[in-house]
Amino acid sequence: MAIDLCKTNRKSGEPTFTPVCAANTFVTYWLPPAKELGLQMIECLPALVIRQEFKDQFIEEISQLRNWIDLHAPVGIRESILESIDRVMDIVSSTSLDEYELSTG
């Protein structure tokens, strides 16, 4: 099982899926620091809709998670997690939520 970021065009309804991480990677490497740092939106990643009013909060939380992963994750998996986080940050930062809906699942 995996967690994906779904970017759905509001006009056409056409979705685009971007892999975020495997469920076990989320539970092992994303969830513990999210809980430790109080990153409530990251804790909800398996089922989250990113709304305009929370977009900045999400970007801030995923940035905090990125910093934690960079300092604490095992070397063997760190780079792939950072790449996933960077990909999510890029998509969320550059997406107009007036034109698209962003959700994870």
PDB file of N, CA and C in Angstrom:
ATOM      1  N   MET A   1       0.843  -1.175   0.000  1.00  0.00           N
ATOM      2  CA  MET A   1       0.000   0.000   0.000  1.00  0.00           C
ATOM      3  C   MET A   1       0.891   1.242   0.000  1.00  0.00           C
ATOM      4  N   ALA A   2       0.417   2.288  -0.676  1.00  0.00           N
ATOM      5  CA  ALA A   2       1.218   3.503  -0.798  1.00  0.00           C
ATOM      6  C   ALA A   2       0.356   4.732  -0.548  1.00  0.00           C
ATOM      7  N   ILE A   3       1.027   5.828  -0.253  1.00  0.00           N
ATOM      8  CA  ILE A   3       0.373   7.123  -0.128  1.00  0.00           C
ATOM      9  C   ILE A   3       0.751   7.922  -1.365  1.00  0.00           C
ATOM     10  N   ASP A   4      -0.254   8.469  -2.034  1.00  0.00           N
ATOM     11  CA  ASP A   4      -0.050   9.286  -3.221  1.00  0.00           C
ATOM     12  C   ASP A   4      -0.608  10.679  -2.985  1.00  0.00           C
ATOM     13  N   LEU A   5      -0.061  11.640  -3.727  1.00  0.00           N
ATOM     14  CA  LEU A   5      -0.626  12.980  -3.780  1.00  0.00           C
ATOM     15  C   LEU A   5      -1.451  13.045  -5.058  1.00  0.00           C
ATOM     16  N   CYS A   6      -2.719  13.349  -4.923  1.00  0.00           N
ATOM     17  CA  CYS A   6      -3.627  13.420  -6.066  1.00  0.00           C
ATOM     18  C   CYS A   6      -3.916  14.889  -6.365  1.00  0.00           C
ATOM     19  N   LYS A   7      -3.625  15.286  -7.597  1.00  0.00           N
ATOM     20  CA  LYS A   7      -3.887  16.646  -8.070  1.00  0.00           C
ATOM     21  C   LYS A   7      -4.998  16.540  -9.111  1.00  0.00           C
ATOM     22  N   THR A   8      -6.188  17.029  -8.760  1.00  0.00           N
ATOM     23  CA  THR A   8      -7.357  16.885  -9.621  1.00  0.00           C
ATOM     24  C   THR A   8      -7.775  18.233 -10.187  1.00  0.00           C
ATOM     25  N   ASN A   9      -7.850  18.297 -11.512  1.00  0.00           N
ATOM     26  CA  ASN A   9      -8.310  19.502 -12.180  1.00  0.00           C
ATOM     27  C   ASN A   9      -9.784  19.709 -11.848  1.00  0.00           C
ATOM     28  N   ARG A  10     -10.113  20.865 -11.297  1.00  0.00           N
ATOM     29  CA  ARG A  10     -11.492  21.125 -10.866  1.00  0.00           C
ATOM     30  C   ARG A  10     -12.466  21.194 -12.049  1.00  0.00           C
ATOM     31  N   LYS A  11     -12.001  21.636 -13.220  1.00  0.00           N
ATOM     32  CA  LYS A  11     -12.891  21.744 -14.387  1.00  0.00           C
ATOM     33  C   LYS A  11     -13.123  20.392 -15.046  1.00  0.00           C
ATOM     34  N   SER A  12     -12.043  19.686 -15.319  1.00  0.00           N
ATOM     35  CA  SER A  12     -12.168  18.425 -16.063  1.00  0.00           C
ATOM     36  C   SER A  12     -12.360  17.210 -15.160  1.00  0.00           C
ATOM     37  N   GLY A  13     -11.967  17.351 -13.894  1.00  0.00           N
ATOM     38  CA  GLY A  13     -12.034  16.213 -12.979  1.00  0.00           C
ATOM     39  C   GLY A  13     -10.911  15.217 -13.182  1.00  0.00           C
ATOM     40  N   GLU A  14      -9.975  15.552 -14.082  1.00  0.00           N
ATOM     41  CA  GLU A  14      -8.872  14.635 -14.386  1.00  0.00           C
ATOM     42  C   GLU A  14      -7.822  14.658 -13.271  1.00  0.00           C
ATOM     43  N   PRO A  15      -7.543  13.484 -12.693  1.00  0.00           N
ATOM     44  CA  PRO A  15      -6.543  13.416 -11.617  1.00  0.00           C
ATOM     45  C   PRO A  15      -5.147  13.068 -12.143  1.00  0.00           C
ATOM     46  N   THR A  16      -4.148  13.535 -11.419  1.00  0.00           N
ATOM     47  CA  THR A  16      -2.758  13.142 -11.631  1.00  0.00           C
ATOM     48  C   THR A  16      -2.242  12.661 -10.283  1.00  0.00           C
ATOM     49  N   PHE A  17      -1.631  11.481 -10.271  1.00  0.00           N
ATOM     50  CA  PHE A  17      -1.145  10.905  -9.021  1.00  0.00           C
ATOM     51  C   PHE A  17       0.374  10.954  -8.971  1.00  0.00           C
ATOM     52  N   THR A  18       0.901  11.386  -7.829  1.00  0.00           N
ATOM     53  CA  THR A  18       2.339  11.410  -7.588  1.00  0.00           C
ATOM     54  C   THR A  18       2.616  10.567  -6.352  1.00  0.00           C
ATOM     55  N   PRO A  19       3.458   9.541  -6.470  1.00  0.00           N
ATOM     56  CA  PRO A  19       3.783   8.730  -5.298  1.00  0.00           C
ATOM     57  C   PRO A  19       4.476   9.569  -4.217  1.00  0.00           C
ATOM     58  N   VAL A  20       4.061   9.374  -2.984  1.00  0.00           N
ATOM     59  CA  VAL A  20       4.693  10.050  -1.848  1.00  0.00           C
ATOM     60  C   VAL A  20       5.588   9.060  -1.110  1.00  0.00           C
ATOM     61  N   CYS A  21       5.003   7.981  -0.614  1.00  0.00           N
ATOM     62  CA  CYS A  21       5.789   6.961   0.081  1.00  0.00           C
ATOM     63  C   CYS A  21       4.938   5.713   0.285  1.00  0.00           C
ATOM     64  N   ALA A  22       5.605   4.636   0.591  1.00  0.00           N
ATOM     65  CA  ALA A  22       4.911   3.400   0.955  1.00  0.00           C
ATOM     66  C   ALA A  22       4.330   3.567   2.356  1.00  0.00           C
ATOM     67  N   ALA A  23       3.268   2.849   2.640  1.00  0.00           N
ATOM     68  CA  ALA A  23       2.622   2.946   3.953  1.00  0.00           C
ATOM     69  C   ALA A  23       3.587   2.621   5.083  1.00  0.00           C
ATOM     70  N   ASN A  24       4.421   1.596   4.901  1.00  0.00           N
ATOM     71  CA  ASN A  24       5.367   1.247   5.969  1.00  0.00           C
ATOM     72  C   ASN A  24       6.434   2.326   6.147  1.00  0.00           C
ATOM     73  N   THR A  25       6.822   3.008   5.074  1.00  0.00           N
ATOM     74  CA  THR A  25       7.771   4.121   5.187  1.00  0.00           C
ATOM     75  C   THR A  25       7.129   5.268   5.956  1.00  0.00           C
ATOM     76  N   PHE A  26       5.856   5.524   5.681  1.00  0.00           N
ATOM     77  CA  PHE A  26       5.144   6.573   6.409  1.00  0.00           C
ATOM     78  C   PHE A  26       5.105   6.262   7.899  1.00  0.00           C
ATOM     79  N   VAL A  27       4.708   5.048   8.240  1.00  0.00           N
ATOM     80  CA  VAL A  27       4.578   4.649   9.645  1.00  0.00           C
ATOM     81  C   VAL A  27       5.934   4.654  10.348  1.00  0.00           C
ATOM     82  N   THR A  28       6.981   4.246   9.652  1.00  0.00           N
ATOM     83  CA  THR A  28       8.306   4.120  10.266  1.00  0.00           C
ATOM     84  C   THR A  28       9.078   5.434  10.314  1.00  0.00           C
ATOM     85  N   TYR A  29       9.026   6.222   9.234  1.00  0.00           N
ATOM     86  CA  TYR A  29       9.910   7.381   9.128  1.00  0.00           C
ATOM     87  C   TYR A  29       9.214   8.736   9.113  1.00  0.00           C
ATOM     88  N   TRP A  30       7.960   8.809   8.739  1.00  0.00           N
ATOM     89  CA  TRP A  30       7.254  10.083   8.692  1.00  0.00           C
ATOM     90  C   TRP A  30       6.431  10.327   9.957  1.00  0.00           C
ATOM     91  N   LEU A  31       5.699   9.321  10.397  1.00  0.00           N
ATOM     92  CA  LEU A  31       4.761   9.497  11.500  1.00  0.00           C
ATOM     93  C   LEU A  31       5.432   9.788  12.847  1.00  0.00           C
ATOM     94  N   PRO A  32       6.490   9.063  13.238  1.00  0.00           N
ATOM     95  CA  PRO A  32       7.103   9.372  14.540  1.00  0.00           C
ATOM     96  C   PRO A  32       7.587  10.822  14.672  1.00  0.00           C
ATOM     97  N   PRO A  33       8.338  11.373  13.692  1.00  0.00           N
ATOM     98  CA  PRO A  33       8.724  12.780  13.853  1.00  0.00           C
ATOM     99  C   PRO A  33       7.530  13.730  13.757  1.00  0.00           C
ATOM    100  N   ALA A  34       6.521  13.379  12.960  1.00  0.00           N
ATOM    101  CA  ALA A  34       5.328  14.229  12.885  1.00  0.00           C
ATOM    102  C   ALA A  34       4.663  14.327  14.253  1.00  0.00           C
ATOM    103  N   LYS A  35       4.567  13.199  14.949  1.00  0.00           N
ATOM    104  CA  LYS A  35       3.990  13.207  16.299  1.00  0.00           C
ATOM    105  C   LYS A  35       4.886  13.964  17.269  1.00  0.00           C
ATOM    106  N   GLU A  36       6.182  13.713  17.185  1.00  0.00           N
ATOM    107  CA  GLU A  36       7.140  14.385  18.072  1.00  0.00           C
ATOM    108  C   GLU A  36       7.092  15.899  17.902  1.00  0.00           C
ATOM    109  N   LEU A  37       6.960  16.357  16.669  1.00  0.00           N
ATOM    110  CA  LEU A  37       6.977  17.789  16.372  1.00  0.00           C
ATOM    111  C   LEU A  37       5.583  18.426  16.386  1.00  0.00           C
ATOM    112  N   GLY A  38       4.554  17.616  16.583  1.00  0.00           N
ATOM    113  CA  GLY A  38       3.189  18.142  16.600  1.00  0.00           C
ATOM    114  C   GLY A  38       2.686  18.584  15.232  1.00  0.00           C
ATOM    115  N   LEU A  39       3.078  17.857  14.189  1.00  0.00           N
ATOM    116  CA  LEU A  39       2.704  18.201  12.814  1.00  0.00           C
ATOM    117  C   LEU A  39       1.384  17.509  12.463  1.00  0.00           C
ATOM    118  N   GLN A  40       0.296  18.135  12.838  1.00  0.00           N
ATOM    119  CA  GLN A  40      -1.025  17.517  12.731  1.00  0.00           C
ATOM    120  C   GLN A  40      -1.419  17.183  11.297  1.00  0.00           C
ATOM    121  N   MET A  41      -1.074  18.026  10.350  1.00  0.00           N
ATOM    122  CA  MET A  41      -1.449  17.747   8.958  1.00  0.00           C
ATOM    123  C   MET A  41      -0.653  16.572   8.404  1.00  0.00           C
ATOM    124  N   ILE A  42       0.607  16.468   8.781  1.00  0.00           N
ATOM    125  CA  ILE A  42       1.438  15.355   8.317  1.00  0.00           C
ATOM    126  C   ILE A  42       0.899  14.048   8.896  1.00  0.00           C
ATOM    127  N   GLU A  43       0.457  14.077  10.139  1.00  0.00           N
ATOM    128  CA  GLU A  43      -0.125  12.874  10.746  1.00  0.00           C
ATOM    129  C   GLU A  43      -1.345  12.381   9.967  1.00  0.00           C
ATOM    130  N   CYS A  44      -2.036  13.278   9.284  1.00  0.00           N
ATOM    131  CA  CYS A  44      -3.255  12.926   8.535  1.00  0.00           C
ATOM    132  C   CYS A  44      -2.984  12.569   7.076  1.00  0.00           C
ATOM    133  N   LEU A  45      -1.721  12.496   6.676  1.00  0.00           N
ATOM    134  CA  LEU A  45      -1.397  12.275   5.260  1.00  0.00           C
ATOM    135  C   LEU A  45      -2.105  11.104   4.599  1.00  0.00           C
ATOM    136  N   PRO A  46      -2.355  10.023   5.259  1.00  0.00           N
ATOM    137  CA  PRO A  46      -3.056   8.957   4.544  1.00  0.00           C
ATOM    138  C   PRO A  46      -4.449   9.358   4.056  1.00  0.00           C
ATOM    139  N   ALA A  47      -5.012  10.439   4.566  1.00  0.00           N
ATOM    140  CA  ALA A  47      -6.343  10.890   4.130  1.00  0.00           C
ATOM    141  C   ALA A  47      -6.481  12.387   4.401  1.00  0.00           C
ATOM    142  N   LEU A  48      -5.915  13.203   3.526  1.00  0.00           N
ATOM    143  CA  LEU A  48      -5.875  14.647   3.756  1.00  0.00           C
ATOM    144  C   LEU A  48      -6.271  15.387   2.486  1.00  0.00           C
ATOM    145  N   VAL A  49      -7.107  16.408   2.628  1.00  0.00           N
ATOM    146  CA  VAL A  49      -7.386  17.343   1.544  1.00  0.00           C
ATOM    147  C   VAL A  49      -6.715  18.650   1.938  1.00  0.00           C
ATOM    148  N   ILE A  50      -5.868  19.175   1.054  1.00  0.00           N
ATOM    149  CA  ILE A  50      -5.145  20.411   1.347  1.00  0.00           C
ATOM    150  C   ILE A  50      -5.989  21.578   0.844  1.00  0.00           C
ATOM    151  N   ARG A  51      -6.563  22.305   1.761  1.00  0.00           N
ATOM    152  CA  ARG A  51      -7.423  23.444   1.429  1.00  0.00           C
ATOM    153  C   ARG A  51      -6.587  24.728   1.427  1.00  0.00           C
ATOM    154  N   GLN A  52      -7.080  25.727   0.702  1.00  0.00           N
ATOM    155  CA  GLN A  52      -6.359  26.993   0.566  1.00  0.00           C
ATOM    156  C   GLN A  52      -5.993  27.582   1.922  1.00  0.00           C
ATOM    157  N   GLU A  53      -6.923  27.555   2.869  1.00  0.00           N
ATOM    158  CA  GLU A  53      -6.666  28.190   4.164  1.00  0.00           C
ATOM    159  C   GLU A  53      -5.612  27.452   4.991  1.00  0.00           C
ATOM    160  N   PHE A  54      -5.282  26.217   4.591  1.00  0.00           N
ATOM    161  CA  PHE A  54      -4.276  25.445   5.319  1.00  0.00           C
ATOM    162  C   PHE A  54      -3.030  25.153   4.489  1.00  0.00           C
ATOM    163  N   LYS A  55      -2.969  25.697   3.282  1.00  0.00           N
ATOM    164  CA  LYS A  55      -1.837  25.418   2.390  1.00  0.00           C
ATOM    165  C   LYS A  55      -0.508  25.847   3.018  1.00  0.00           C
ATOM    166  N   ASP A  56      -0.445  27.059   3.548  1.00  0.00           N
ATOM    167  CA  ASP A  56       0.798  27.543   4.164  1.00  0.00           C
ATOM    168  C   ASP A  56       1.186  26.697   5.372  1.00  0.00           C
ATOM    169  N   GLN A  57       0.195  26.295   6.166  1.00  0.00           N
ATOM    170  CA  GLN A  57       0.473  25.439   7.322  1.00  0.00           C
ATOM    171  C   GLN A  57       1.051  24.106   6.858  1.00  0.00           C
ATOM    172  N   PHE A  58       0.476  23.531   5.807  1.00  0.00           N
ATOM    173  CA  PHE A  58       0.980  22.260   5.292  1.00  0.00           C
ATOM    174  C   PHE A  58       2.423  22.408   4.821  1.00  0.00           C
ATOM    175  N   ILE A  59       2.710  23.464   4.080  1.00  0.00           N
ATOM    176  CA  ILE A  59       4.074  23.688   3.586  1.00  0.00           C
ATOM    177  C   ILE A  59       5.036  23.852   4.756  1.00  0.00           C
ATOM    178  N   GLU A  60       4.629  24.569   5.782  1.00  0.00           N
ATOM    179  CA  GLU A  60       5.474  24.747   6.966  1.00  0.00           C
ATOM    180  C   GLU A  60       5.712  23.413   7.665  1.00  0.00           C
ATOM    181  N   GLU A  61       4.668  22.618   7.822  1.00  0.00           N
ATOM    182  CA  GLU A  61       4.816  21.328   8.497  1.00  0.00           C
ATOM    183  C   GLU A  61       5.706  20.379   7.706  1.00  0.00           C
ATOM    184  N   ILE A  62       5.528  20.321   6.405  1.00  0.00           N
ATOM    185  CA  ILE A  62       6.347  19.390   5.633  1.00  0.00           C
ATOM    186  C   ILE A  62       7.796  19.868   5.582  1.00  0.00           C
ATOM    187  N   SER A  63       8.000  21.174   5.670  1.00  0.00           N
ATOM    188  CA  SER A  63       9.353  21.725   5.756  1.00  0.00           C
ATOM    189  C   SER A  63      10.016  21.327   7.081  1.00  0.00           C
ATOM    190  N   GLN A  64       9.257  21.379   8.172  1.00  0.00           N
ATOM    191  CA  GLN A  64       9.786  20.945   9.469  1.00  0.00           C
ATOM    192  C   GLN A  64      10.119  19.458   9.446  1.00  0.00           C
ATOM    193  N   LEU A  65       9.234  18.670   8.830  1.00  0.00           N
ATOM    194  CA  LEU A  65       9.499  17.241   8.700  1.00  0.00           C
ATOM    195  C   LEU A  65      10.765  17.011   7.895  1.00  0.00           C
ATOM    196  N   ARG A  66      10.934  17.757   6.812  1.00  0.00           N
ATOM    197  CA  ARG A  66      12.125  17.614   5.974  1.00  0.00           C
ATOM    198  C   ARG A  66      13.397  17.877   6.782  1.00  0.00           C
ATOM    199  N   ASN A  67      13.382  18.933   7.562  1.00  0.00           N
ATOM    200  CA  ASN A  67      14.550  19.257   8.394  1.00  0.00           C
ATOM    201  C   ASN A  67      14.853  18.133   9.377  1.00  0.00           C
ATOM    202  N   TRP A  68      13.811  17.577   9.997  1.00  0.00           N
ATOM    203  CA  TRP A  68      14.001  16.487  10.955  1.00  0.00           C
ATOM    204  C   TRP A  68      14.578  15.267  10.254  1.00  0.00           C
ATOM    205  N   ILE A  69      14.004  14.895   9.111  1.00  0.00           N
ATOM    206  CA  ILE A  69      14.479  13.733   8.345  1.00  0.00           C
ATOM    207  C   ILE A  69      15.937  13.930   7.951  1.00  0.00           C
ATOM    208  N   ASP A  70      16.281  15.120   7.506  1.00  0.00           N
ATOM    209  CA  ASP A  70      17.653  15.410   7.084  1.00  0.00           C
ATOM    210  C   ASP A  70      18.646  15.200   8.223  1.00  0.00           C
ATOM    211  N   LEU A  71      18.230  15.484   9.441  1.00  0.00           N
ATOM    212  CA  LEU A  71      19.115  15.341  10.599  1.00  0.00           C
ATOM    213  C   LEU A  71      19.098  13.948  11.224  1.00  0.00           C
ATOM    214  N   HIS A  72      17.969  13.237  11.147  1.00  0.00           N
ATOM    215  CA  HIS A  72      17.812  12.029  11.952  1.00  0.00           C
ATOM    216  C   HIS A  72      17.561  10.725  11.208  1.00  0.00           C
ATOM    217  N   ALA A  73      17.124  10.772   9.976  1.00  0.00           N
ATOM    218  CA  ALA A  73      16.794   9.527   9.265  1.00  0.00           C
ATOM    219  C   ALA A  73      18.063   8.750   8.928  1.00  0.00           C
ATOM    220  N   PRO A  74      17.971   7.428   8.891  1.00  0.00           N
ATOM    221  CA  PRO A  74      19.128   6.612   8.525  1.00  0.00           C
ATOM    222  C   PRO A  74      19.622   6.967   7.122  1.00  0.00           C
ATOM    223  N   VAL A  75      20.927   6.957   6.978  1.00  0.00           N
ATOM    224  CA  VAL A  75      21.561   7.363   5.724  1.00  0.00           C
ATOM    225  C   VAL A  75      21.012   6.587   4.535  1.00  0.00           C
ATOM    226  N   GLY A  76      20.768   5.312   4.683  1.00  0.00           N
ATOM    227  CA  GLY A  76      20.342   4.479   3.565  1.00  0.00           C
ATOM    228  C   GLY A  76      19.003   4.849   2.955  1.00  0.00           C
ATOM    229  N   ILE A  77      18.147   5.498   3.719  1.00  0.00           N
ATOM    230  CA  ILE A  77      16.812   5.845   3.213  1.00  0.00           C
ATOM    231  C   ILE A  77      16.586   7.353   3.168  1.00  0.00           C
ATOM    232  N   ARG A  78      17.459   8.093   3.789  1.00  0.00           N
ATOM    233  CA  ARG A  78      17.285   9.546   3.914  1.00  0.00           C
ATOM    234  C   ARG A  78      17.059  10.229   2.566  1.00  0.00           C
ATOM    235  N   GLU A  79      17.905   9.939   1.596  1.00  0.00           N
ATOM    236  CA  GLU A  79      17.833  10.641   0.313  1.00  0.00           C
ATOM    237  C   GLU A  79      16.497  10.415  -0.395  1.00  0.00           C
ATOM    238  N   SER A  80      16.001   9.189  -0.367  1.00  0.00           N
ATOM    239  CA  SER A  80      14.730   8.924  -1.052  1.00  0.00           C
ATOM    240  C   SER A  80      13.563   9.617  -0.346  1.00  0.00           C
ATOM    241  N   ILE A  81      13.604   9.690   0.984  1.00  0.00           N
ATOM    242  CA  ILE A  81      12.548  10.396   1.719  1.00  0.00           C
ATOM    243  C   ILE A  81      12.607  11.887   1.414  1.00  0.00           C
ATOM    244  N   LEU A  82      13.812  12.444   1.404  1.00  0.00           N
ATOM    245  CA  LEU A  82      13.961  13.871   1.106  1.00  0.00           C
ATOM    246  C   LEU A  82      13.481  14.194  -0.305  1.00  0.00           C
ATOM    247  N   GLU A  83      13.770  13.318  -1.259  1.00  0.00           N
ATOM    248  CA  GLU A  83      13.292  13.526  -2.632  1.00  0.00           C
ATOM    249  C   GLU A  83      11.768  13.530  -2.679  1.00  0.00           C
ATOM    250  N   SER A  84      11.142  12.620  -1.957  1.00  0.00           N
ATOM    251  CA  SER A  84       9.675  12.575  -1.912  1.00  0.00           C
ATOM    252  C   SER A  84       9.100  13.838  -1.287  1.00  0.00           C
ATOM    253  N   ILE A  85       9.690  14.260  -0.186  1.00  0.00           N
ATOM    254  CA  ILE A  85       9.229  15.473   0.485  1.00  0.00           C
ATOM    255  C   ILE A  85       9.397  16.678  -0.431  1.00  0.00           C
ATOM    256  N   ASP A  86      10.542  16.777  -1.097  1.00  0.00           N
ATOM    257  CA  ASP A  86      10.774  17.899  -2.009  1.00  0.00           C
ATOM    258  C   ASP A  86       9.761  17.911  -3.148  1.00  0.00           C
ATOM    259  N   ARG A  87       9.447  16.740  -3.672  1.00  0.00           N
ATOM    260  CA  ARG A  87       8.463  16.629  -4.757  1.00  0.00           C
ATOM    261  C   ARG A  87       7.087  17.118  -4.268  1.00  0.00           C
ATOM    262  N   VAL A  88       6.688  16.694  -3.077  1.00  0.00           N
ATOM    263  CA  VAL A  88       5.404  17.133  -2.510  1.00  0.00           C
ATOM    264  C   VAL A  88       5.413  18.639  -2.284  1.00  0.00           C
ATOM    265  N   MET A  89       6.490  19.157  -1.717  1.00  0.00           N
ATOM    266  CA  MET A  89       6.591  20.596  -1.470  1.00  0.00           C
ATOM    267  C   MET A  89       6.478  21.379  -2.767  1.00  0.00           C
ATOM    268  N   ASP A  90       7.165  20.925  -3.811  1.00  0.00           N
ATOM    269  CA  ASP A  90       7.123  21.611  -5.105  1.00  0.00           C
ATOM    270  C   ASP A  90       5.706  21.635  -5.674  1.00  0.00           C
ATOM    271  N   ILE A  91       5.037  20.490  -5.627  1.00  0.00           N
ATOM    272  CA  ILE A  91       3.681  20.411  -6.184  1.00  0.00           C
ATOM    273  C   ILE A  91       2.718  21.287  -5.393  1.00  0.00           C
ATOM    274  N   VAL A  92       2.753  21.179  -4.083  1.00  0.00           N
ATOM    275  CA  VAL A  92       1.824  21.959  -3.255  1.00  0.00           C
ATOM    276  C   VAL A  92       2.103  23.453  -3.405  1.00  0.00           C
ATOM    277  N   SER A  93       3.372  23.842  -3.399  1.00  0.00           N
ATOM    278  CA  SER A  93       3.733  25.258  -3.508  1.00  0.00           C
ATOM    279  C   SER A  93       3.308  25.865  -4.837  1.00  0.00           C
ATOM    280  N   SER A  94       3.410  25.089  -5.906  1.00  0.00           N
ATOM    281  CA  SER A  94       3.171  25.639  -7.243  1.00  0.00           C
ATOM    282  C   SER A  94       1.745  25.433  -7.762  1.00  0.00           C
ATOM    283  N   THR A  95       0.897  24.779  -6.998  1.00  0.00           N
ATOM    284  CA  THR A  95      -0.453  24.467  -7.467  1.00  0.00           C
ATOM    285  C   THR A  95      -1.467  25.496  -6.988  1.00  0.00           C
ATOM    286  N   SER A  96      -2.249  26.007  -7.930  1.00  0.00           N
ATOM    287  CA  SER A  96      -3.362  26.895  -7.599  1.00  0.00           C
ATOM    288  C   SER A  96      -4.523  26.042  -7.106  1.00  0.00           C
ATOM    289  N   LEU A  97      -4.919  26.263  -5.872  1.00  0.00           N
ATOM    290  CA  LEU A  97      -6.027  25.487  -5.321  1.00  0.00           C
ATOM    291  C   LEU A  97      -7.382  26.004  -5.805  1.00  0.00           C
ATOM    292  N   ASP A  98      -7.372  27.086  -6.575  1.00  0.00           N
ATOM    293  CA  ASP A  98      -8.590  27.508  -7.259  1.00  0.00           C
ATOM    294  C   ASP A  98      -8.838  26.626  -8.483  1.00  0.00           C
ATOM    295  N   GLU A  99      -7.750  26.161  -9.104  1.00  0.00           N
ATOM    296  CA  GLU A  99      -7.846  25.350 -10.318  1.00  0.00           C
ATOM    297  C   GLU A  99      -7.786  23.847 -10.043  1.00  0.00           C
ATOM    298  N   TYR A 100      -7.138  23.466  -8.942  1.00  0.00           N
ATOM    299  CA  TYR A 100      -6.926  22.049  -8.639  1.00  0.00           C
ATOM    300  C   TYR A 100      -7.280  21.749  -7.196  1.00  0.00           C
ATOM    301  N   GLU A 101      -7.679  20.510  -6.957  1.00  0.00           N
ATOM    302  CA  GLU A 101      -7.821  20.003  -5.599  1.00  0.00           C
ATOM    303  C   GLU A 101      -6.630  19.107  -5.331  1.00  0.00           C
ATOM    304  N   LEU A 102      -6.022  19.250  -4.166  1.00  0.00           N
ATOM    305  CA  LEU A 102      -4.915  18.393  -3.750  1.00  0.00           C
ATOM    306  C   LEU A 102      -5.375  17.544  -2.578  1.00  0.00           C
ATOM    307  N   SER A 103      -5.121  16.260  -2.687  1.00  0.00           N
ATOM    308  CA  SER A 103      -5.466  15.354  -1.597  1.00  0.00           C
ATOM    309  C   SER A 103      -4.446  14.225  -1.555  1.00  0.00           C
ATOM    310  N   THR A 104      -4.400  13.555  -0.421  1.00  0.00           N
ATOM    311  CA  THR A 104      -3.504  12.412  -0.283  1.00  0.00           C
ATOM    312  C   THR A 104      -4.329  11.188   0.069  1.00  0.00           C
ATOM    313  N   GLY A 105      -3.790  10.076  -0.258  1.00  0.00           N
ATOM    314  CA  GLY A 105      -4.483   8.836   0.063  1.00  0.00           C
ATOM    315  C   GLY A 105      -3.738   7.652  -0.499  1.00  0.00           C
TER     316      GLY A 105
END
